[in-house]
Structures are given as structure tokens and as C-alpha cells.
Amino acid sequence: MKLTLPYPPSVNNLYVTVRGRRVLSTEGKRFKMVARQIANTAGVEMLQGSVQLRVWLYRPQKSGDLDNFLKATQDCLTGIAYKDDAQVIHIEAWRLDDPGNPRVEIEVVEVVV
């Protein structure tokens, strides 16, 4: 399955501490909600086995580490494309620049090990 999602929040903005507990931030909740809507529209079905992710991150500007945005991308697909992100056994990721259309394109493939 392939999905194109909006540009994800950085891992630095994904969680906040509330009463001593780490919880998903408002920005993180919004990103996950949009991802769910896009996946539902695309007819995504949850995979049960091990999965591989291919990720193309198109940044709005030439700053930001690739790995800071992978966590939000991987987490947002939990409960949508796969039950748990522990199913992800391989990730290929590319960082590109597209100031006019920042986004993340994701391909999720079930793999047999």
C-alpha cells in the first residue's frame, strides 16, 4: 500500500509531558487523525505480519534530520496499516526537498521472514 500524508511533526513536537506522563501532543493527534482519514479513503487494510516501510520525506526547507520525522510517520500508521509498530522490521528512508509541497510518501509492504 502507498500513502501520501502531510509533512509530519518532528519527534521533538510529537509528545508532551502532562502530569509526569508522556502523551501524544495536539499536533501528533492531528497528524494521526489526518493519516487515518487518508488511509480510510484509500481503503487501507491492516497488515498482520512483519512489514517493511519505504519513506520519502519531502521537506519544506533545507533543515531537519530525517530520523526526527520517521517516528511520527511510523507511529501514525499503528492501528491503521499494522497493529503495532513492532511489526516494522525494515525501513528505507529518503530525505528530499520540496518547499512547494512538503509531505511524506509511505509504502508499507508485508514481508515474509
Foldseek 3Di string as FASTA:
>chain_A
DKFKFAQADFLVQQWDADPNDTDGHPSLVVRLVRVQVRLVVVVADADEAAKEKEKEWADLDPDDDPVRRVVSVLVSCCVRHYPDSVSYDYYHYHYHYDNVGTIMMMDMDHDDD
